[in-house]
Amino acid sequence: MYQIFIDGQNGTTGLQIVERLKARSDIAMIELSDSERKQDQAKAEAMAAADLTILCLPDDAAKAALALGPDAKIIDASTAHRVDPRFVYGLPELSPAQRSEIQAANRVSNPGCYPTGFILLLRPLVEAGLLPRDQSIFISALSGYSGGGKSMITDYQSKSQPAAWPYALKLEHKHLPEMRTYTGLSKNPVFLPHVGNFYQGMLVEVGLNSTQLTKPTSPEAIAELWRQYFKGEPNICVHEANPEGALVGNFLDPEGANHTNRVDLFVFGHDEQLLLIARLDNLGKGASGAAVQNLNLMLGLNEHTGLELSQN
């Protein structure tokens, strides 16, 4: 039985990870009392005893925690180490070699929710030479309010809120370095996220004109490119181009991948304009589900143990 320690297990991500692990017979949780959670010595001992530690902490606290377990096997769910060369980026579907790198790693950075969708949409186009690395990209995205953590959840559940709020209007969102690095782009995209008045679920949207690409293409060609790039990846569902059957009336449901570890990839449009959309659960493949998938890989287990790939 594997011993797992979660530092920060009472936060939104930590609670979701515990929920996914608690029913498993191959996992035992190392738990600290409320007072011990504030003691470095107690946390250091827990990290030493654990087969794997998951950090669900603010960035500065995550950086400090590394010193407590210099030899510990760690998944960091914060933003602190996502482009740190000492860490392997925890997105197995990133490239053919990424899964093996995660399996061999002692330090893995769990991807952000928005970057997961963005990277999966665009990296195949960049790798194929269809999208120039120096291209200027605009992203719009919509997430359920659980992505804002406990304080935002309380705000939304205690008082009336608008249907959607745009934020990060200074264009300095902390996910930008991660988005640029792992798509292979040479400059930051312009990123406009929104928080919606629903609990969980996410859409990440990128519009492209044909002039931004290196050769003429079509929605069908984009879908086929994704299909080949993600061949054999059960967490990635590539839909047919312009899939009317995936819509609810004329709308795309941002909650359609909830309670799964699946990412839906959609392409809409025509030969002149393309709209690329990734849909995922911001608490699933966007956070806790991804952490469990990485945990499974790092421990040599079936990576889908304890995860749902489709809705019940």
Protein backbone atom coordinates (compact mmCIF):
# COMPACT_ATOMS: atom_id res chain seq x y z
CA MET A 1 0.00 0.00 0.00
CA TYR A 2 1.34 3.43 -0.96
CA GLN A 3 1.56 6.19 1.63
CA ILE A 4 0.48 9.60 0.31
CA PHE A 5 0.85 12.94 2.06
CA ILE A 6 -1.08 15.98 0.83
CA ASP A 7 0.19 19.28 2.19
CA GLY A 8 -2.84 21.54 1.91
CA GLN A 9 -5.48 18.86 1.68
CA ASN A 10 -8.25 21.13 2.97
CA GLY A 11 -8.13 23.45 -0.04
CA THR A 12 -10.32 22.97 -3.09
CA THR A 13 -7.74 20.96 -5.05
CA GLY A 14 -6.62 18.96 -2.03
CA LEU A 15 -10.16 17.97 -1.11
CA GLN A 16 -10.82 16.83 -4.67
CA ILE A 17 -7.66 14.71 -4.68
CA VAL A 18 -8.64 13.10 -1.38
CA GLU A 19 -12.08 12.37 -2.84
CA ARG A 20 -10.45 10.51 -5.74
CA LEU A 21 -8.03 8.57 -3.52
CA LYS A 22 -10.08 7.68 -0.45
CA ALA A 23 -11.89 4.69 -1.97
CA ARG A 24 -8.72 3.06 -3.28
CA SER A 25 -7.36 -0.03 -1.55
CA ASP A 26 -3.82 0.65 -2.74
CA ILE A 27 -3.55 4.10 -1.12
CA ALA A 28 -3.28 5.20 2.51
CA MET A 29 -3.28 8.86 3.48
CA ILE A 30 -0.80 10.36 5.95
CA GLU A 31 -2.81 12.94 7.88
CA LEU A 32 -1.65 15.60 10.29
CA SER A 33 -3.60 17.32 13.02
CA ASP A 34 -4.51 20.98 12.68
CA SER A 35 -1.56 22.01 14.85
CA GLU A 36 0.90 19.70 13.07
CA ARG A 37 0.02 21.22 9.69
CA LYS A 38 1.70 24.42 10.87
CA GLN A 39 4.86 22.67 12.08
CA ASP A 40 7.73 22.24 9.63
CA GLN A 41 9.12 19.27 11.56
CA ALA A 42 5.83 17.37 11.37
CA LYS A 43 5.51 18.08 7.66
CA ALA A 44 9.11 17.04 7.01
CA GLU A 45 8.50 13.74 8.81
CA ALA A 46 5.32 13.16 6.79
CA MET A 47 7.16 13.82 3.53
CA ALA A 48 9.95 11.42 4.55
CA ALA A 49 7.42 8.69 5.38
CA ALA A 50 5.37 9.16 2.21
CA ASP A 51 5.91 7.39 -1.09
CA LEU A 52 4.69 10.58 -2.71
CA THR A 53 3.77 14.09 -1.51
CA ILE A 54 1.32 16.41 -3.24
CA LEU A 55 1.65 20.13 -2.55
CA CYS A 56 -1.67 21.99 -2.69
CA LEU A 57 -0.29 25.27 -1.42
CA PRO A 58 0.15 28.90 -2.47
CA ASP A 59 3.26 29.45 -4.59
CA ASP A 60 5.54 30.77 -1.84
CA ALA A 61 4.54 27.99 0.54
CA ALA A 62 5.14 25.39 -2.17
CA LYS A 63 8.65 26.75 -2.72
CA ALA A 64 9.35 26.61 1.00
CA ALA A 65 8.02 23.04 1.24
CA LEU A 66 10.72 21.74 -1.10
CA ALA A 67 13.35 22.37 1.55
CA LEU A 68 11.42 20.17 4.01
CA GLY A 69 11.64 17.14 1.76
CA PRO A 70 14.77 17.38 -0.39
CA ASP A 71 14.57 13.69 -1.29
CA ALA A 72 10.78 13.39 -1.42
CA LYS A 73 8.87 12.45 -4.55
CA ILE A 74 6.64 15.48 -5.14
CA ILE A 75 3.77 16.68 -7.28
CA ASP A 76 3.37 20.45 -6.97
CA ALA A 77 -0.14 21.66 -7.81
CA SER A 78 0.81 25.34 -7.48
CA THR A 79 2.06 27.64 -10.23
CA ALA A 80 5.49 27.92 -8.61
CA HIS A 81 7.43 25.33 -10.59
CA ARG A 82 5.58 24.87 -13.87
CA VAL A 83 8.43 26.22 -15.99
CA ASP A 84 11.17 25.25 -13.53
CA PRO A 85 13.71 22.98 -15.27
CA ARG A 86 14.03 20.93 -12.07
CA PHE A 87 10.44 19.79 -12.55
CA VAL A 88 8.84 17.67 -15.26
CA TYR A 89 5.63 19.15 -16.62
CA GLY A 90 2.77 16.86 -15.66
CA LEU A 91 0.83 16.68 -18.92
CA PRO A 92 1.34 13.13 -20.27
CA GLU A 93 -0.40 13.98 -23.55
CA LEU A 94 2.05 16.81 -24.31
CA SER A 95 4.36 14.72 -26.49
CA PRO A 96 5.28 11.07 -27.09
CA ALA A 97 8.13 11.32 -24.55
CA GLN A 98 6.28 13.15 -21.78
CA ARG A 99 4.66 10.16 -20.13
CA SER A 100 8.00 8.39 -19.71
CA GLU A 101 9.55 11.54 -18.27
CA ILE A 102 6.79 11.77 -15.67
CA GLN A 103 7.19 8.12 -14.76
CA ALA A 104 10.90 8.61 -14.13
CA ALA A 105 10.58 11.97 -12.35
CA ASN A 106 11.05 12.81 -8.69
CA ARG A 107 9.52 16.28 -9.14
CA VAL A 108 6.41 16.94 -11.27
CA SER A 109 4.54 20.20 -11.71
CA ASN A 110 0.79 19.75 -12.13
CA PRO A 111 -0.49 21.79 -15.09
CA GLY A 112 -2.86 24.72 -14.77
CA CYS A 113 -6.44 24.31 -15.93
CA TYR A 114 -6.43 27.01 -18.62
CA PRO A 115 -2.99 26.01 -19.97
CA THR A 116 -4.08 22.37 -20.26
CA GLY A 117 -6.78 23.31 -22.75
CA PHE A 118 -4.67 25.89 -24.58
CA ILE A 119 -1.61 23.66 -24.94
CA LEU A 120 -3.60 20.68 -26.19
CA LEU A 121 -5.32 22.88 -28.79
CA LEU A 122 -2.22 24.55 -30.22
CA ARG A 123 0.86 22.41 -29.64
CA PRO A 124 -0.06 19.95 -32.42
CA LEU A 125 -0.42 22.87 -34.85
CA VAL A 126 2.94 24.34 -33.81
CA GLU A 127 4.70 20.97 -33.99
CA ALA A 128 3.28 20.34 -37.46
CA GLY A 129 4.57 23.72 -38.67
CA LEU A 130 1.03 24.89 -39.40
CA LEU A 131 1.10 27.67 -36.79
CA PRO A 132 4.28 29.79 -36.72
CA ARG A 133 5.98 29.96 -33.33
CA ASP A 134 6.05 33.75 -33.46
CA GLN A 135 2.34 34.08 -34.22
CA SER A 136 0.24 36.43 -32.08
CA ILE A 137 -2.56 34.51 -30.37
CA PHE A 138 -5.66 35.66 -28.48
CA ILE A 139 -7.37 33.30 -26.02
CA SER A 140 -10.75 33.71 -24.41
CA ALA A 141 -11.72 31.28 -21.67
CA LEU A 142 -14.57 30.62 -19.26
CA SER A 143 -14.31 28.72 -15.97
CA GLY A 144 -16.69 27.80 -13.21
CA TYR A 145 -16.21 29.73 -9.99
CA SER A 146 -14.65 26.79 -8.13
CA GLY A 147 -11.44 27.72 -9.94
CA GLY A 148 -11.15 30.73 -7.64
CA GLY A 149 -10.87 28.62 -4.49
CA LYS A 150 -12.75 28.76 -1.22
CA SER A 151 -13.25 32.53 -1.01
CA MET A 152 -14.75 32.78 -4.49
CA ILE A 153 -16.93 29.73 -3.90
CA THR A 154 -18.29 31.39 -0.76
CA ASP A 155 -18.94 34.65 -2.64
CA TYR A 156 -20.84 32.96 -5.43
CA GLN A 157 -22.85 30.71 -3.16
CA SER A 158 -23.77 33.44 -0.69
CA LYS A 159 -24.92 36.24 -2.97
CA SER A 160 -26.13 36.92 -6.49
CA GLN A 161 -23.40 37.28 -9.13
CA PRO A 162 -23.36 38.16 -12.85
CA ALA A 163 -23.40 35.44 -15.49
CA ALA A 164 -19.71 36.02 -16.28
CA TRP A 165 -16.87 38.33 -15.19
CA PRO A 166 -13.77 38.98 -17.30
CA TYR A 167 -10.60 39.35 -15.23
CA ALA A 168 -6.78 39.52 -15.51
CA LEU A 169 -7.31 42.66 -17.58
CA LYS A 170 -3.72 43.83 -17.08
CA LEU A 171 -2.68 40.88 -19.28
CA GLU A 172 -0.27 39.51 -16.67
CA HIS A 173 -2.01 36.24 -15.75
CA LYS A 174 0.32 33.83 -13.96
CA HIS A 175 -0.43 31.03 -16.46
CA LEU A 176 1.16 32.89 -19.38
CA PRO A 177 4.73 31.51 -19.08
CA GLU A 178 3.34 27.97 -18.95
CA MET A 179 1.11 28.59 -21.98
CA ARG A 180 3.98 29.98 -24.03
CA THR A 181 6.58 27.42 -23.02
CA TYR A 182 4.64 24.23 -23.65
CA THR A 183 2.92 25.24 -26.86
CA GLY A 184 6.30 26.19 -28.29
CA LEU A 185 5.28 29.77 -28.97
CA SER A 186 7.97 32.44 -28.81
CA LYS A 187 5.82 35.10 -27.10
CA ASN A 188 2.98 35.28 -24.65
CA PRO A 189 -0.54 35.06 -26.00
CA VAL A 190 -3.14 37.67 -25.09
CA PHE A 191 -5.28 35.88 -22.52
CA LEU A 192 -8.73 36.99 -21.37
CA PRO A 193 -10.25 34.58 -18.80
CA HIS A 194 -13.79 34.82 -17.41
CA VAL A 195 -15.36 33.33 -14.31
CA GLY A 196 -18.93 32.11 -14.85
CA ASN A 197 -21.85 31.67 -12.50
CA PHE A 198 -21.62 27.87 -12.38
CA TYR A 199 -19.57 25.68 -10.06
CA GLN A 200 -17.21 23.75 -12.33
CA GLY A 201 -16.41 23.26 -16.00
CA MET A 202 -14.30 25.14 -18.50
CA LEU A 203 -14.02 26.26 -22.12
CA VAL A 204 -10.75 27.52 -23.63
CA GLU A 205 -11.21 29.23 -27.01
CA VAL A 206 -8.74 30.30 -29.69
CA GLY A 207 -9.78 31.97 -32.96
CA LEU A 208 -7.49 31.82 -35.99
CA ASN A 209 -7.64 33.43 -39.42
CA SER A 210 -6.24 31.54 -42.40
CA THR A 211 -3.57 34.26 -42.76
CA GLN A 212 -2.10 33.22 -39.39
CA LEU A 213 -1.31 29.74 -40.71
CA THR A 214 1.50 28.63 -42.98
CA LYS A 215 -0.81 26.99 -45.52
CA PRO A 216 -4.52 26.72 -46.33
CA THR A 217 -6.41 24.34 -44.08
CA SER A 218 -9.93 23.43 -43.00
CA PRO A 219 -11.77 22.44 -39.81
CA GLU A 220 -11.68 18.84 -41.01
CA ALA A 221 -7.90 18.99 -41.44
CA ILE A 222 -7.43 20.40 -37.93
CA ALA A 223 -9.58 17.64 -36.42
CA GLU A 224 -7.53 15.02 -38.31
CA LEU A 225 -4.26 16.61 -37.15
CA TRP A 226 -5.42 16.38 -33.52
CA ARG A 227 -6.66 12.83 -34.09
CA GLN A 228 -3.24 11.70 -35.27
CA TYR A 229 -1.31 13.66 -32.62
CA PHE A 230 -3.41 12.25 -29.75
CA LYS A 231 -3.86 8.78 -31.18
CA GLY A 232 -4.13 6.28 -28.33
CA GLU A 233 -4.71 8.98 -25.68
CA PRO A 234 -7.91 8.00 -23.81
CA ASN A 235 -8.15 11.32 -21.97
CA ILE A 236 -8.44 13.26 -25.24
CA CYS A 237 -11.70 13.20 -27.21
CA VAL A 238 -11.37 14.78 -30.65
CA HIS A 239 -14.80 15.64 -32.05
CA GLU A 240 -15.67 15.83 -35.72
CA ALA A 241 -15.37 19.27 -37.31
CA ASN A 242 -18.39 21.54 -36.79
CA PRO A 243 -20.14 18.96 -34.60
CA GLU A 244 -23.76 20.07 -34.39
CA GLY A 245 -24.57 17.04 -32.26
CA ALA A 246 -22.24 18.34 -29.52
CA LEU A 247 -24.28 21.51 -29.12
CA VAL A 248 -27.27 22.18 -26.89
CA GLY A 249 -29.38 24.12 -29.32
CA ASN A 250 -26.83 26.60 -30.65
CA PHE A 251 -24.74 26.53 -27.48
CA LEU A 252 -21.69 24.60 -26.26
CA ASP A 253 -22.10 23.48 -22.66
CA PRO A 254 -19.04 24.39 -20.52
CA GLU A 255 -20.05 21.71 -18.01
CA GLY A 256 -20.11 18.89 -20.56
CA ALA A 257 -16.87 17.25 -19.38
CA ASN A 258 -17.55 17.63 -15.66
CA HIS A 259 -16.68 14.78 -13.28
CA THR A 260 -14.28 13.29 -15.83
CA ASN A 261 -10.57 13.39 -16.60
CA ARG A 262 -11.39 14.02 -20.26
CA VAL A 263 -10.56 16.93 -22.55
CA ASP A 264 -12.92 17.51 -25.48
CA LEU A 265 -11.37 19.19 -28.52
CA PHE A 266 -13.65 21.00 -30.98
CA VAL A 267 -13.01 22.90 -34.19
CA PHE A 268 -15.67 25.09 -35.77
CA GLY A 269 -15.60 27.39 -38.78
CA HIS A 270 -14.57 27.24 -42.44
CA ASP A 271 -11.54 27.65 -44.66
CA GLU A 272 -11.10 31.35 -43.80
CA GLN A 273 -11.67 31.28 -40.04
CA LEU A 274 -11.26 28.62 -37.37
CA LEU A 275 -12.47 28.48 -33.79
CA LEU A 276 -10.63 25.95 -31.61
CA ILE A 277 -12.23 25.04 -28.27
CA ALA A 278 -11.08 22.77 -25.45
CA ARG A 279 -13.59 21.69 -22.82
CA LEU A 280 -12.55 20.16 -19.52
CA ASP A 281 -13.44 19.98 -15.85
CA ASN A 282 -11.32 22.61 -14.10
CA LEU A 283 -11.39 20.40 -10.98
CA GLY A 284 -10.70 17.21 -12.96
CA LYS A 285 -8.14 17.18 -15.76
CA GLY A 286 -7.61 20.85 -14.89
CA ALA A 287 -6.40 20.13 -11.35
CA SER A 288 -7.12 17.14 -9.09
CA GLY A 289 -7.71 14.54 -11.77
CA ALA A 290 -4.43 15.51 -13.40
CA ALA A 291 -2.65 15.16 -10.05
CA VAL A 292 -4.04 11.64 -9.57
CA GLN A 293 -3.04 10.72 -13.13
CA ASN A 294 0.51 11.93 -12.41
CA LEU A 295 0.54 10.13 -9.06
CA ASN A 296 -0.37 6.88 -10.79
CA LEU A 297 2.39 7.32 -13.35
CA MET A 298 5.04 8.22 -10.77
CA LEU A 299 4.15 5.15 -8.69
CA GLY A 300 4.19 2.80 -11.68
CA LEU A 301 0.42 2.20 -11.63
CA ASN A 302 -2.19 2.25 -14.36
CA GLU A 303 -2.51 5.99 -14.93
CA HIS A 304 -6.31 5.91 -15.06
CA THR A 305 -6.84 4.19 -11.70
CA GLY A 306 -9.45 6.11 -9.72
CA LEU A 307 -10.38 8.38 -12.64
CA GLU A 308 -13.43 8.67 -14.88
CA LEU A 309 -12.87 9.18 -18.60
CA SER A 310 -16.57 9.63 -19.36
CA GLN A 311 -19.56 10.80 -17.41
CA ASN A 312 -21.52 8.23 -15.44
